[in-house]
């Protein structure tokens, strides 16, 4: 004796065959009935919170029904059976993607709470910051006090290249040239950051060496250019993108240092397990470095070459620096636990 039931609709618009009319040989119908009832319940609860247990069961039934659909197609089951199972699988798939789309609050929490908190608390980032910016400042002071320092660090060829590069104030590029140069800057800056990160696998020593090398070169370059005839042109070009670009290098170096030292300070884990944990913990640093490098490349390609004095570009410097301080120190520090309270 058959029942009369409303015919459910496929998201594509086609009607799903009634269950009893589509039942193949075997005893899988209770699974499909349960999935259909669960789908109906979830549809009715669209504006309510769905329990995790129901989502888990939905995923399990979805996998089972997907296997049944594949088997029905392979065995040449009746078209009504295939259409019915296809409808169930399609509806479940659409609902699962709906669950994913409502998790934006987790992304917001990660972006504005978890990541800045990790950056603020990361001891490796503090070490990388001191090593990179401390060495850069020392190299700059040596270049200012002892001009021979630039000969040692930069050499005559690099000094001549810097003079040639910044002898003019800049130029207005067309859109195609700016996009091309942004790609060039991304590739070039990513190469520097990748070295600072990847060399860390050598017990962290490689990242420290890479940070020191880049810091010595950058500090000497600033000292040489600011003491020369093209100081205004040099500052006009670098002032906009320098905060993002230099900070990204320290993030990459900190991530590499974290990876390398995880092979030494295993905290009771195997070296492989310790490395995996450090790699997972480095995601915030690496992702932040990539985003900063992308932002720096866009500024460097579209804004830095504009033939305007440094006073015109100073607001961008202040804006980027303020964003960095607010993100790492303000947001990160706000999430820090009170003194005496366990994190």
C-alpha atoms as a PDB file:
ATOM      1  CA  UNK A   1       0.000   0.000   0.000  1.00  0.00           C
ATOM      2  CA  UNK A   2       1.574   3.276  -1.060  1.00  0.00           C
ATOM      3  CA  UNK A   3       1.430   6.632   0.635  1.00  0.00           C
ATOM      4  CA  UNK A   4       0.795   9.961  -0.977  1.00  0.00           C
ATOM      5  CA  UNK A   5       3.437  12.503   0.026  1.00  0.00           C
ATOM      6  CA  UNK A   6       4.336  15.940  -1.262  1.00  0.00           C
ATOM      7  CA  UNK A   7       7.075  15.857  -3.858  1.00  0.00           C
ATOM      8  CA  UNK A   8      10.144  17.745  -2.615  1.00  0.00           C
ATOM      9  CA  UNK A   9      11.899  20.149  -4.940  1.00  0.00           C
ATOM     10  CA  UNK A  10      15.458  19.949  -6.202  1.00  0.00           C
ATOM     11  CA  UNK A  11      17.441  23.244  -5.957  1.00  0.00           C
ATOM     12  CA  UNK A  12      17.775  23.090  -9.743  1.00  0.00           C
ATOM     13  CA  UNK A  13      13.981  23.259 -10.059  1.00  0.00           C
ATOM     14  CA  UNK A  14      13.315  19.616 -10.854  1.00  0.00           C
ATOM     15  CA  UNK A  15      10.945  17.627  -8.666  1.00  0.00           C
ATOM     16  CA  UNK A  16      12.329  14.758  -6.614  1.00  0.00           C
ATOM     17  CA  UNK A  17      10.515  11.492  -7.068  1.00  0.00           C
ATOM     18  CA  UNK A  18       8.563  10.271  -4.006  1.00  0.00           C
ATOM     19  CA  UNK A  19      10.521   7.894  -1.823  1.00  0.00           C
ATOM     20  CA  UNK A  20       8.247   4.858  -2.161  1.00  0.00           C
ATOM     21  CA  UNK A  21       8.152   5.178  -5.931  1.00  0.00           C
ATOM     22  CA  UNK A  22      11.946   5.418  -6.108  1.00  0.00           C
ATOM     23  CA  UNK A  23      12.935   2.727  -3.625  1.00  0.00           C
ATOM     24  CA  UNK A  24      15.465   0.289  -5.195  1.00  0.00           C
ATOM     25  CA  UNK A  25      16.117  -3.204  -3.996  1.00  0.00           C
ATOM     26  CA  UNK A  26      17.769  -3.193  -0.616  1.00  0.00           C
ATOM     27  CA  UNK A  27      17.151  -1.647   2.734  1.00  0.00           C
ATOM     28  CA  UNK A  28      18.615   1.866   2.346  1.00  0.00           C
ATOM     29  CA  UNK A  29      15.274   3.661   2.401  1.00  0.00           C
ATOM     30  CA  UNK A  30      15.332   4.384   6.187  1.00  0.00           C
ATOM     31  CA  UNK A  31      18.620   6.285   5.728  1.00  0.00           C
ATOM     32  CA  UNK A  32      17.078   8.422   2.983  1.00  0.00           C
ATOM     33  CA  UNK A  33      13.923   9.001   4.997  1.00  0.00           C
ATOM     34  CA  UNK A  34      16.004  10.166   7.945  1.00  0.00           C
ATOM     35  CA  UNK A  35      18.013  12.520   5.722  1.00  0.00           C
ATOM     36  CA  UNK A  36      14.830  13.903   4.189  1.00  0.00           C
ATOM     37  CA  UNK A  37      13.291  14.522   7.610  1.00  0.00           C
ATOM     38  CA  UNK A  38      16.493  16.171   8.829  1.00  0.00           C
ATOM     39  CA  UNK A  39      16.590  18.408   5.760  1.00  0.00           C
ATOM     40  CA  UNK A  40      13.020  19.462   6.414  1.00  0.00           C
ATOM     41  CA  UNK A  41      13.818  20.229  10.034  1.00  0.00           C
ATOM     42  CA  UNK A  42      16.856  22.309   9.094  1.00  0.00           C
ATOM     43  CA  UNK A  43      14.858  24.217   6.478  1.00  0.00           C
ATOM     44  CA  UNK A  44      12.240  25.072   9.099  1.00  0.00           C
ATOM     45  CA  UNK A  45      14.973  26.151  11.529  1.00  0.00           C
ATOM     46  CA  UNK A  46      16.661  28.443   9.011  1.00  0.00           C
ATOM     47  CA  UNK A  47      16.578  31.418  11.376  1.00  0.00           C
ATOM     48  CA  UNK A  48      17.432  29.397  14.464  1.00  0.00           C
ATOM     49  CA  UNK A  49      20.688  27.952  15.720  1.00  0.00           C
ATOM     50  CA  UNK A  50      21.266  24.404  14.468  1.00  0.00           C
ATOM     51  CA  UNK A  51      22.765  21.980  16.948  1.00  0.00           C
ATOM     52  CA  UNK A  52      26.214  20.607  16.214  1.00  0.00           C
ATOM     53  CA  UNK A  53      24.875  17.058  16.598  1.00  0.00           C
ATOM     54  CA  UNK A  54      22.392  17.680  13.780  1.00  0.00           C
ATOM     55  CA  UNK A  55      25.076  19.081  11.491  1.00  0.00           C
ATOM     56  CA  UNK A  56      27.276  16.055  12.224  1.00  0.00           C
ATOM     57  CA  UNK A  57      24.437  13.656  11.409  1.00  0.00           C
ATOM     58  CA  UNK A  58      23.653  15.625   8.274  1.00  0.00           C
ATOM     59  CA  UNK A  59      27.244  15.217   7.078  1.00  0.00           C
ATOM     60  CA  UNK A  60      27.207  11.473   7.845  1.00  0.00           C
ATOM     61  CA  UNK A  61      23.930  10.900   6.000  1.00  0.00           C
ATOM     62  CA  UNK A  62      25.142  13.052   3.123  1.00  0.00           C
ATOM     63  CA  UNK A  63      28.197  10.831   2.659  1.00  0.00           C
ATOM     64  CA  UNK A  64      26.098   7.663   2.847  1.00  0.00           C
ATOM     65  CA  UNK A  65      23.516   8.951   0.356  1.00  0.00           C
ATOM     66  CA  UNK A  66      26.250  10.122  -2.010  1.00  0.00           C
ATOM     67  CA  UNK A  67      27.619   6.582  -2.052  1.00  0.00           C
ATOM     68  CA  UNK A  68      24.122   5.242  -2.702  1.00  0.00           C
ATOM     69  CA  UNK A  69      23.724   7.666  -5.607  1.00  0.00           C
ATOM     70  CA  UNK A  70      27.019   6.555  -7.157  1.00  0.00           C
ATOM     71  CA  UNK A  71      26.031   2.909  -6.746  1.00  0.00           C
ATOM     72  CA  UNK A  72      22.575   3.515  -8.218  1.00  0.00           C
ATOM     73  CA  UNK A  73      24.099   5.153 -11.309  1.00  0.00           C
ATOM     74  CA  UNK A  74      26.713   2.407 -11.701  1.00  0.00           C
ATOM     75  CA  UNK A  75      24.124  -0.386 -11.379  1.00  0.00           C
ATOM     76  CA  UNK A  76      21.648   1.266 -13.738  1.00  0.00           C
ATOM     77  CA  UNK A  77      18.885   1.738 -11.168  1.00  0.00           C
ATOM     78  CA  UNK A  78      15.598   3.307 -12.327  1.00  0.00           C
ATOM     79  CA  UNK A  79      15.658   6.985 -13.299  1.00  0.00           C
ATOM     80  CA  UNK A  80      13.230   7.856 -10.486  1.00  0.00           C
ATOM     81  CA  UNK A  81      15.661   6.428  -7.928  1.00  0.00           C
ATOM     82  CA  UNK A  82      18.622   8.326  -9.362  1.00  0.00           C
ATOM     83  CA  UNK A  83      16.662  11.582  -9.497  1.00  0.00           C
ATOM     84  CA  UNK A  84      15.470  11.169  -5.931  1.00  0.00           C
ATOM     85  CA  UNK A  85      18.946  10.479  -4.570  1.00  0.00           C
ATOM     86  CA  UNK A  86      20.424  13.291  -6.645  1.00  0.00           C
ATOM     87  CA  UNK A  87      17.872  15.661  -5.163  1.00  0.00           C
ATOM     88  CA  UNK A  88      18.732  14.645  -1.603  1.00  0.00           C
ATOM     89  CA  UNK A  89      22.468  15.031  -2.239  1.00  0.00           C
ATOM     90  CA  UNK A  90      21.988  18.437  -3.903  1.00  0.00           C
ATOM     91  CA  UNK A  91      19.819  19.797  -1.106  1.00  0.00           C
ATOM     92  CA  UNK A  92      22.261  18.596   1.547  1.00  0.00           C
ATOM     93  CA  UNK A  93      25.203  20.060  -0.336  1.00  0.00           C
ATOM     94  CA  UNK A  94      23.465  23.439  -0.559  1.00  0.00           C
ATOM     95  CA  UNK A  95      22.696  23.420   3.176  1.00  0.00           C
ATOM     96  CA  UNK A  96      26.259  22.531   4.119  1.00  0.00           C
ATOM     97  CA  UNK A  97      27.542  25.467   2.087  1.00  0.00           C
ATOM     98  CA  UNK A  98      24.969  27.639   3.799  1.00  0.00           C
ATOM     99  CA  UNK A  99      26.465  26.668   7.152  1.00  0.00           C
ATOM    100  CA  UNK A 100      29.905  27.693   5.897  1.00  0.00           C
ATOM    101  CA  UNK A 101      28.625  31.061   4.713  1.00  0.00           C
ATOM    102  CA  UNK A 102      27.350  32.107   8.145  1.00  0.00           C
ATOM    103  CA  UNK A 103      30.717  31.701   9.886  1.00  0.00           C
ATOM    104  CA  UNK A 104      31.854  35.254   9.130  1.00  0.00           C
ATOM    105  CA  UNK A 105      31.928  36.079  12.833  1.00  0.00           C
ATOM    106  CA  UNK A 106      34.745  33.562  13.222  1.00  0.00           C
ATOM    107  CA  UNK A 107      36.714  35.257  10.452  1.00  0.00           C
ATOM    108  CA  UNK A 108      36.179  38.624  12.089  1.00  0.00           C
ATOM    109  CA  UNK A 109      37.274  37.238  15.443  1.00  0.00           C
ATOM    110  CA  UNK A 110      40.377  35.691  13.902  1.00  0.00           C
ATOM    111  CA  UNK A 111      41.274  38.851  11.968  1.00  0.00           C
ATOM    112  CA  UNK A 112      40.699  41.410  14.707  1.00  0.00           C
ATOM    113  CA  UNK A 113      41.266  39.380  17.900  1.00  0.00           C
ATOM    114  CA  UNK A 114      43.217  36.151  17.476  1.00  0.00           C
ATOM    115  CA  UNK A 115      45.826  37.270  14.923  1.00  0.00           C
ATOM    116  CA  UNK A 116      46.796  40.603  16.547  1.00  0.00           C
ATOM    117  CA  UNK A 117      46.893  38.873  19.922  1.00  0.00           C
ATOM    118  CA  UNK A 118      49.266  36.228  18.562  1.00  0.00           C
ATOM    119  CA  UNK A 119      51.481  38.905  17.013  1.00  0.00           C
ATOM    120  CA  UNK A 120      51.525  40.971  20.187  1.00  0.00           C
ATOM    121  CA  UNK A 121      52.463  38.023  22.402  1.00  0.00           C
ATOM    122  CA  UNK A 122      54.944  36.351  20.049  1.00  0.00           C
ATOM    123  CA  UNK A 123      58.448  36.450  21.606  1.00  0.00           C
ATOM    124  CA  UNK A 124      60.058  35.514  18.291  1.00  0.00           C
ATOM    125  CA  UNK A 125      58.564  38.601  16.658  1.00  0.00           C
ATOM    126  CA  UNK A 126      60.059  40.769  19.372  1.00  0.00           C
ATOM    127  CA  UNK A 127      63.473  39.209  18.809  1.00  0.00           C
ATOM    128  CA  UNK A 128      63.190  39.648  15.036  1.00  0.00           C
ATOM    129  CA  UNK A 129      62.051  43.257  15.486  1.00  0.00           C
ATOM    130  CA  UNK A 130      65.035  44.117  17.705  1.00  0.00           C
ATOM    131  CA  UNK A 131      67.512  42.304  15.449  1.00  0.00           C
ATOM    132  CA  UNK A 132      66.248  43.862  12.217  1.00  0.00           C
ATOM    133  CA  UNK A 133      65.452  47.431  13.212  1.00  0.00           C
ATOM    134  CA  UNK A 134      68.261  47.650  15.774  1.00  0.00           C
ATOM    135  CA  UNK A 135      70.826  46.547  13.188  1.00  0.00           C
ATOM    136  CA  UNK A 136      69.309  48.854  10.557  1.00  0.00           C
ATOM    137  CA  UNK A 137      69.606  51.826  12.904  1.00  0.00           C
ATOM    138  CA  UNK A 138      73.187  50.909  13.808  1.00  0.00           C
ATOM    139  CA  UNK A 139      74.134  50.555  10.140  1.00  0.00           C
ATOM    140  CA  UNK A 140      72.506  53.908   9.358  1.00  0.00           C
ATOM    141  CA  UNK A 141      74.435  55.649  12.147  1.00  0.00           C
ATOM    142  CA  UNK A 142      77.709  54.086  11.019  1.00  0.00           C
ATOM    143  CA  UNK A 143      77.052  55.263   7.451  1.00  0.00           C
ATOM    144  CA  UNK A 144      76.383  58.765   8.760  1.00  0.00           C
ATOM    145  CA  UNK A 145      79.404  58.955  11.056  1.00  0.00           C
ATOM    146  CA  UNK A 146      81.816  56.910   8.924  1.00  0.00           C
ATOM    147  CA  UNK A 147      81.169  57.247   5.170  1.00  0.00           C
ATOM    148  CA  UNK A 148      83.625  54.406   4.529  1.00  0.00           C
ATOM    149  CA  UNK A 149      80.998  52.081   6.035  1.00  0.00           C
ATOM    150  CA  UNK A 150      78.907  52.392   2.874  1.00  0.00           C
ATOM    151  CA  UNK A 151      81.900  51.251   0.802  1.00  0.00           C
ATOM    152  CA  UNK A 152      82.155  48.123   2.929  1.00  0.00           C
ATOM    153  CA  UNK A 153      78.444  47.251   2.944  1.00  0.00           C
ATOM    154  CA  UNK A 154      77.220  48.563  -0.409  1.00  0.00           C
ATOM    155  CA  UNK A 155      80.276  48.782  -2.635  1.00  0.00           C
ATOM    156  CA  UNK A 156      80.835  51.246  -5.520  1.00  0.00           C
ATOM    157  CA  UNK A 157      78.457  49.499  -7.940  1.00  0.00           C
ATOM    158  CA  UNK A 158      75.451  49.530  -5.632  1.00  0.00           C
ATOM    159  CA  UNK A 159      76.092  53.144  -4.643  1.00  0.00           C
ATOM    160  CA  UNK A 160      76.218  54.123  -8.306  1.00  0.00           C
ATOM    161  CA  UNK A 161      72.990  52.193  -8.938  1.00  0.00           C
ATOM    162  CA  UNK A 162      71.234  54.017  -6.073  1.00  0.00           C
ATOM    163  CA  UNK A 163      72.371  57.406  -7.419  1.00  0.00           C
ATOM    164  CA  UNK A 164      71.099  56.538 -10.878  1.00  0.00           C
ATOM    165  CA  UNK A 165      67.793  55.208  -9.577  1.00  0.00           C
ATOM    166  CA  UNK A 166      66.920  58.251  -7.486  1.00  0.00           C
ATOM    167  CA  UNK A 167      68.466  61.014  -9.564  1.00  0.00           C
ATOM    168  CA  UNK A 168      64.961  61.979 -10.749  1.00  0.00           C
ATOM    169  CA  UNK A 169      61.931  62.807  -8.653  1.00  0.00           C
ATOM    170  CA  UNK A 170      59.676  60.231 -10.284  1.00  0.00           C
ATOM    171  CA  UNK A 171      57.187  59.818 -13.084  1.00  0.00           C
ATOM    172  CA  UNK A 172      53.520  59.250 -13.736  1.00  0.00           C
ATOM    173  CA  UNK A 173      53.056  55.716 -15.062  1.00  0.00           C
ATOM    174  CA  UNK A 174      50.130  54.451 -17.048  1.00  0.00           C
ATOM    175  CA  UNK A 175      47.915  51.744 -15.601  1.00  0.00           C
ATOM    176  CA  UNK A 176      49.585  48.864 -17.445  1.00  0.00           C
ATOM    177  CA  UNK A 177      53.042  49.902 -16.290  1.00  0.00           C
ATOM    178  CA  UNK A 178      51.851  50.251 -12.700  1.00  0.00           C
ATOM    179  CA  UNK A 179      50.291  46.786 -12.685  1.00  0.00           C
ATOM    180  CA  UNK A 180      53.452  45.319 -14.217  1.00  0.00           C
ATOM    181  CA  UNK A 181      55.649  46.992 -11.611  1.00  0.00           C
ATOM    182  CA  UNK A 182      53.363  45.870  -8.777  1.00  0.00           C
ATOM    183  CA  UNK A 183      53.941  42.273  -9.889  1.00  0.00           C
ATOM    184  CA  UNK A 184      57.677  42.923 -10.029  1.00  0.00           C
ATOM    185  CA  UNK A 185      57.700  44.386  -6.523  1.00  0.00           C
ATOM    186  CA  UNK A 186      55.625  41.514  -5.144  1.00  0.00           C
ATOM    187  CA  UNK A 187      58.053  38.990  -6.610  1.00  0.00           C
ATOM    188  CA  UNK A 188      61.121  40.881  -5.422  1.00  0.00           C
ATOM    189  CA  UNK A 189      59.835  41.530  -1.898  1.00  0.00           C
ATOM    190  CA  UNK A 190      58.475  38.005  -1.544  1.00  0.00           C
ATOM    191  CA  UNK A 191      61.916  36.665  -2.442  1.00  0.00           C
ATOM    192  CA  UNK A 192      63.532  38.646   0.368  1.00  0.00           C
ATOM    193  CA  UNK A 193      60.858  37.623   2.884  1.00  0.00           C
ATOM    194  CA  UNK A 194      60.939  33.986   1.763  1.00  0.00           C
ATOM    195  CA  UNK A 195      64.663  33.808   2.406  1.00  0.00           C
ATOM    196  CA  UNK A 196      64.210  35.208   5.901  1.00  0.00           C
ATOM    197  CA  UNK A 197      61.541  32.571   6.501  1.00  0.00           C
ATOM    198  CA  UNK A 198      62.971  29.528   4.722  1.00  0.00           C
ATOM    199  CA  UNK A 199      66.518  29.896   6.055  1.00  0.00           C
ATOM    200  CA  UNK A 200      65.087  29.500   9.542  1.00  0.00           C
ATOM    201  CA  UNK A 201      65.014  25.741   9.062  1.00  0.00           C
ATOM    202  CA  UNK A 202      68.754  25.807   9.838  1.00  0.00           C
ATOM    203  CA  UNK A 203      68.020  25.913  13.577  1.00  0.00           C
ATOM    204  CA  UNK A 204      66.890  29.549  13.320  1.00  0.00           C
ATOM    205  CA  UNK A 205      70.417  30.757  12.523  1.00  0.00           C
ATOM    206  CA  UNK A 206      69.571  31.252   8.850  1.00  0.00           C
ATOM    207  CA  UNK A 207      66.723  33.648   9.635  1.00  0.00           C
ATOM    208  CA  UNK A 208      68.918  35.702  11.950  1.00  0.00           C
ATOM    209  CA  UNK A 209      71.643  35.914   9.300  1.00  0.00           C
ATOM    210  CA  UNK A 210      69.107  36.924   6.635  1.00  0.00           C
ATOM    211  CA  UNK A 211      67.646  39.607   8.911  1.00  0.00           C
ATOM    212  CA  UNK A 212      71.103  40.936   9.744  1.00  0.00           C
ATOM    213  CA  UNK A 213      72.198  41.002   6.103  1.00  0.00           C
ATOM    214  CA  UNK A 214      69.119  42.878   4.931  1.00  0.00           C
ATOM    215  CA  UNK A 215      69.258  45.240   7.904  1.00  0.00           C
ATOM    216  CA  UNK A 216      72.887  46.166   7.269  1.00  0.00           C
ATOM    217  CA  UNK A 217      72.158  46.859   3.598  1.00  0.00           C
ATOM    218  CA  UNK A 218      68.986  48.874   4.248  1.00  0.00           C
ATOM    219  CA  UNK A 219      70.581  50.948   7.016  1.00  0.00           C
ATOM    220  CA  UNK A 220      73.664  51.709   4.925  1.00  0.00           C
ATOM    221  CA  UNK A 221      71.480  52.612   1.920  1.00  0.00           C
ATOM    222  CA  UNK A 222      69.437  55.061   3.994  1.00  0.00           C
ATOM    223  CA  UNK A 223      72.595  56.584   5.440  1.00  0.00           C
ATOM    224  CA  UNK A 224      74.230  56.965   2.036  1.00  0.00           C
ATOM    225  CA  UNK A 225      71.189  58.395   0.248  1.00  0.00           C
ATOM    226  CA  UNK A 226      70.121  60.797   2.997  1.00  0.00           C
ATOM    227  CA  UNK A 227      73.633  62.265   3.095  1.00  0.00           C
ATOM    228  CA  UNK A 228      73.776  62.676  -0.690  1.00  0.00           C
ATOM    229  CA  UNK A 229      72.318  64.982  -3.297  1.00  0.00           C
ATOM    230  CA  UNK A 230      69.184  62.924  -3.934  1.00  0.00           C
ATOM    231  CA  UNK A 231      67.888  62.619  -0.383  1.00  0.00           C
ATOM    232  CA  UNK A 232      64.558  64.300  -1.156  1.00  0.00           C
ATOM    233  CA  UNK A 233      63.919  62.055  -4.156  1.00  0.00           C
ATOM    234  CA  UNK A 234      64.856  58.980  -2.160  1.00  0.00           C
ATOM    235  CA  UNK A 235      62.556  59.835   0.729  1.00  0.00           C
ATOM    236  CA  UNK A 236      59.745  60.725  -1.664  1.00  0.00           C
ATOM    237  CA  UNK A 237      59.900  57.232  -3.147  1.00  0.00           C
ATOM    238  CA  UNK A 238      60.382  55.044  -0.066  1.00  0.00           C
ATOM    239  CA  UNK A 239      58.417  56.853   2.639  1.00  0.00           C
ATOM    240  CA  UNK A 240      54.998  55.510   1.582  1.00  0.00           C
ATOM    241  CA  UNK A 241      55.674  51.777   1.409  1.00  0.00           C
ATOM    242  CA  UNK A 242      58.567  51.410   3.875  1.00  0.00           C
ATOM    243  CA  UNK A 243      56.475  50.659   7.018  1.00  0.00           C
ATOM    244  CA  UNK A 244      54.594  47.762   5.407  1.00  0.00           C
ATOM    245  CA  UNK A 245      57.602  46.342   3.575  1.00  0.00           C
ATOM    246  CA  UNK A 246      60.099  46.440   6.446  1.00  0.00           C
ATOM    247  CA  UNK A 247      57.592  45.128   8.975  1.00  0.00           C
ATOM    248  CA  UNK A 248      56.756  42.226   6.649  1.00  0.00           C
ATOM    249  CA  UNK A 249      60.431  41.243   6.598  1.00  0.00           C
ATOM    250  CA  UNK A 250      60.481  41.060  10.402  1.00  0.00           C
ATOM    251  CA  UNK A 251      57.313  38.921  10.395  1.00  0.00           C
ATOM    252  CA  UNK A 252      58.885  36.490   7.924  1.00  0.00           C
ATOM    253  CA  UNK A 253      62.097  36.361   9.930  1.00  0.00           C
ATOM    254  CA  UNK A 254      60.169  35.705  13.143  1.00  0.00           C
ATOM    255  CA  UNK A 255      58.295  32.830  11.492  1.00  0.00           C
ATOM    256  CA  UNK A 256      61.563  31.305  10.291  1.00  0.00           C
ATOM    257  CA  UNK A 257      63.128  31.714  13.723  1.00  0.00           C
ATOM    258  CA  UNK A 258      60.130  29.976  15.293  1.00  0.00           C
ATOM    259  CA  UNK A 259      60.433  27.022  12.901  1.00  0.00           C
ATOM    260  CA  UNK A 260      64.167  26.636  13.402  1.00  0.00           C
ATOM    261  CA  UNK A 261      64.136  26.791  17.184  1.00  0.00           C
ATOM    262  CA  UNK A 262      61.267  24.286  17.307  1.00  0.00           C
ATOM    263  CA  UNK A 263      63.842  21.690  16.250  1.00  0.00           C
ATOM    264  CA  UNK A 264      65.955  22.607  19.281  1.00  0.00           C
ATOM    265  CA  UNK A 265      63.296  23.412  21.897  1.00  0.00           C
ATOM    266  CA  UNK A 266      60.967  20.483  21.343  1.00  0.00           C
ATOM    267  CA  UNK A 267      59.329  20.705  24.815  1.00  0.00           C
ATOM    268  CA  UNK A 268      59.102  16.924  25.014  1.00  0.00           C
ATOM    269  CA  UNK A 269      57.640  16.419  21.514  1.00  0.00           C
ATOM    270  CA  UNK A 270      59.396  14.635  18.702  1.00  0.00           C
ATOM    271  CA  UNK A 271      61.224  17.000  16.358  1.00  0.00           C
ATOM    272  CA  UNK A 272      58.736  16.342  13.564  1.00  0.00           C
ATOM    273  CA  UNK A 273      55.764  17.010  15.853  1.00  0.00           C
ATOM    274  CA  UNK A 274      57.424  20.118  17.283  1.00  0.00           C
ATOM    275  CA  UNK A 275      58.069  21.420  13.766  1.00  0.00           C
ATOM    276  CA  UNK A 276      54.431  20.830  12.785  1.00  0.00           C
ATOM    277  CA  UNK A 277      53.207  22.708  15.849  1.00  0.00           C
ATOM    278  CA  UNK A 278      55.558  25.613  15.114  1.00  0.00           C
ATOM    279  CA  UNK A 279      54.441  25.711  11.479  1.00  0.00           C
ATOM    280  CA  UNK A 280      50.809  25.926  12.548  1.00  0.00           C
ATOM    281  CA  UNK A 281      51.665  28.635  15.056  1.00  0.00           C
ATOM    282  CA  UNK A 282      53.483  30.584  12.312  1.00  0.00           C
ATOM    283  CA  UNK A 283      50.397  30.947  10.121  1.00  0.00           C
ATOM    284  CA  UNK A 284      49.521  34.358  11.608  1.00  0.00           C
ATOM    285  CA  UNK A 285      53.036  35.670  10.987  1.00  0.00           C
ATOM    286  CA  UNK A 286      53.314  34.336   7.439  1.00  0.00           C
ATOM    287  CA  UNK A 287      49.826  35.464   6.412  1.00  0.00           C
ATOM    288  CA  UNK A 288      50.386  38.933   7.865  1.00  0.00           C
ATOM    289  CA  UNK A 289      53.727  39.201   6.072  1.00  0.00           C
ATOM    290  CA  UNK A 290      52.148  38.282   2.726  1.00  0.00           C
ATOM    291  CA  UNK A 291      49.349  40.826   3.135  1.00  0.00           C
ATOM    292  CA  UNK A 292      51.804  43.552   4.131  1.00  0.00           C
ATOM    293  CA  UNK A 293      54.033  42.786   1.144  1.00  0.00           C
ATOM    294  CA  UNK A 294      51.052  42.955  -1.180  1.00  0.00           C
ATOM    295  CA  UNK A 295      50.027  46.312   0.269  1.00  0.00           C
ATOM    296  CA  UNK A 296      53.600  47.609   0.057  1.00  0.00           C
ATOM    297  CA  UNK A 297      53.884  46.516  -3.586  1.00  0.00           C
ATOM    298  CA  UNK A 298      50.675  48.312  -4.543  1.00  0.00           C
ATOM    299  CA  UNK A 299      51.819  51.512  -2.835  1.00  0.00           C
ATOM    300  CA  UNK A 300      55.264  51.214  -4.385  1.00  0.00           C
ATOM    301  CA  UNK A 301      53.856  50.688  -7.872  1.00  0.00           C
ATOM    302  CA  UNK A 302      51.001  53.196  -7.928  1.00  0.00           C
ATOM    303  CA  UNK A 303      51.880  55.895  -5.386  1.00  0.00           C
ATOM    304  CA  UNK A 304      55.625  55.980  -4.671  1.00  0.00           C
ATOM    305  CA  UNK A 305      56.754  56.945  -8.218  1.00  0.00           C
ATOM    306  CA  UNK A 306      54.507  60.024  -8.369  1.00  0.00           C
ATOM    307  CA  UNK A 307      56.660  63.154  -8.941  1.00  0.00           C
ATOM    308  CA  UNK A 308      55.625  64.915  -5.751  1.00  0.00           C
ATOM    309  CA  UNK A 309      57.765  65.994  -2.776  1.00  0.00           C
ATOM    310  CA  UNK A 310      57.963  64.011   0.423  1.00  0.00           C
ATOM    311  CA  UNK A 311      55.578  66.383   2.213  1.00  0.00           C
ATOM    312  CA  UNK A 312      52.818  65.223  -0.149  1.00  0.00           C
ATOM    313  CA  UNK A 313      53.502  61.552   0.609  1.00  0.00           C
ATOM    314  CA  UNK A 314      54.039  61.868   4.336  1.00  0.00           C
ATOM    315  CA  UNK A 315      50.333  61.244   5.155  1.00  0.00           C
ATOM    316  CA  UNK A 316      50.576  57.758   3.604  1.00  0.00           C
ATOM    317  CA  UNK A 317      53.575  57.017   5.796  1.00  0.00           C
ATOM    318  CA  UNK A 318      51.678  58.157   8.878  1.00  0.00           C
ATOM    319  CA  UNK A 319      48.590  56.179   7.842  1.00  0.00           C
ATOM    320  CA  UNK A 320      50.451  52.898   7.259  1.00  0.00           C
ATOM    321  CA  UNK A 321      52.460  53.301  10.453  1.00  0.00           C
ATOM    322  CA  UNK A 322      49.305  54.064  12.441  1.00  0.00           C
ATOM    323  CA  UNK A 323      47.563  50.994  11.010  1.00  0.00           C
ATOM    324  CA  UNK A 324      50.467  48.771  12.047  1.00  0.00           C
ATOM    325  CA  UNK A 325      50.640  50.187  15.568  1.00  0.00           C
ATOM    326  CA  UNK A 326      46.872  50.005  16.017  1.00  0.00           C
ATOM    327  CA  UNK A 327      46.652  46.432  14.725  1.00  0.00           C
ATOM    328  CA  UNK A 328      49.568  44.883  16.603  1.00  0.00           C
ATOM    329  CA  UNK A 329      49.811  46.985  19.764  1.00  0.00           C
ATOM    330  CA  UNK A 330      46.293  48.303  20.319  1.00  0.00           C
ATOM    331  CA  UNK A 331      44.202  45.326  19.172  1.00  0.00           C
ATOM    332  CA  UNK A 332      46.800  42.797  20.314  1.00  0.00           C
ATOM    333  CA  UNK A 333      47.348  44.456  23.678  1.00  0.00           C
ATOM    334  CA  UNK A 334      43.621  44.824  24.267  1.00  0.00           C
ATOM    335  CA  UNK A 335      43.253  41.050  24.100  1.00  0.00           C
ATOM    336  CA  UNK A 336      46.133  40.463  26.512  1.00  0.00           C
ATOM    337  CA  UNK A 337      45.100  39.005  29.897  1.00  0.00           C
ATOM    338  CA  UNK A 338      45.355  41.109  33.018  1.00  0.00           C
ATOM    339  CA  UNK A 339      48.554  40.805  35.057  1.00  0.00           C
ATOM    340  CA  UNK A 340      48.465  37.825  37.346  1.00  0.00           C
ATOM    341  CA  UNK A 341      45.755  36.071  35.345  1.00  0.00           C
ATOM    342  CA  UNK A 342      46.599  33.004  33.293  1.00  0.00           C
ATOM    343  CA  UNK A 343      46.188  33.437  29.525  1.00  0.00           C
END
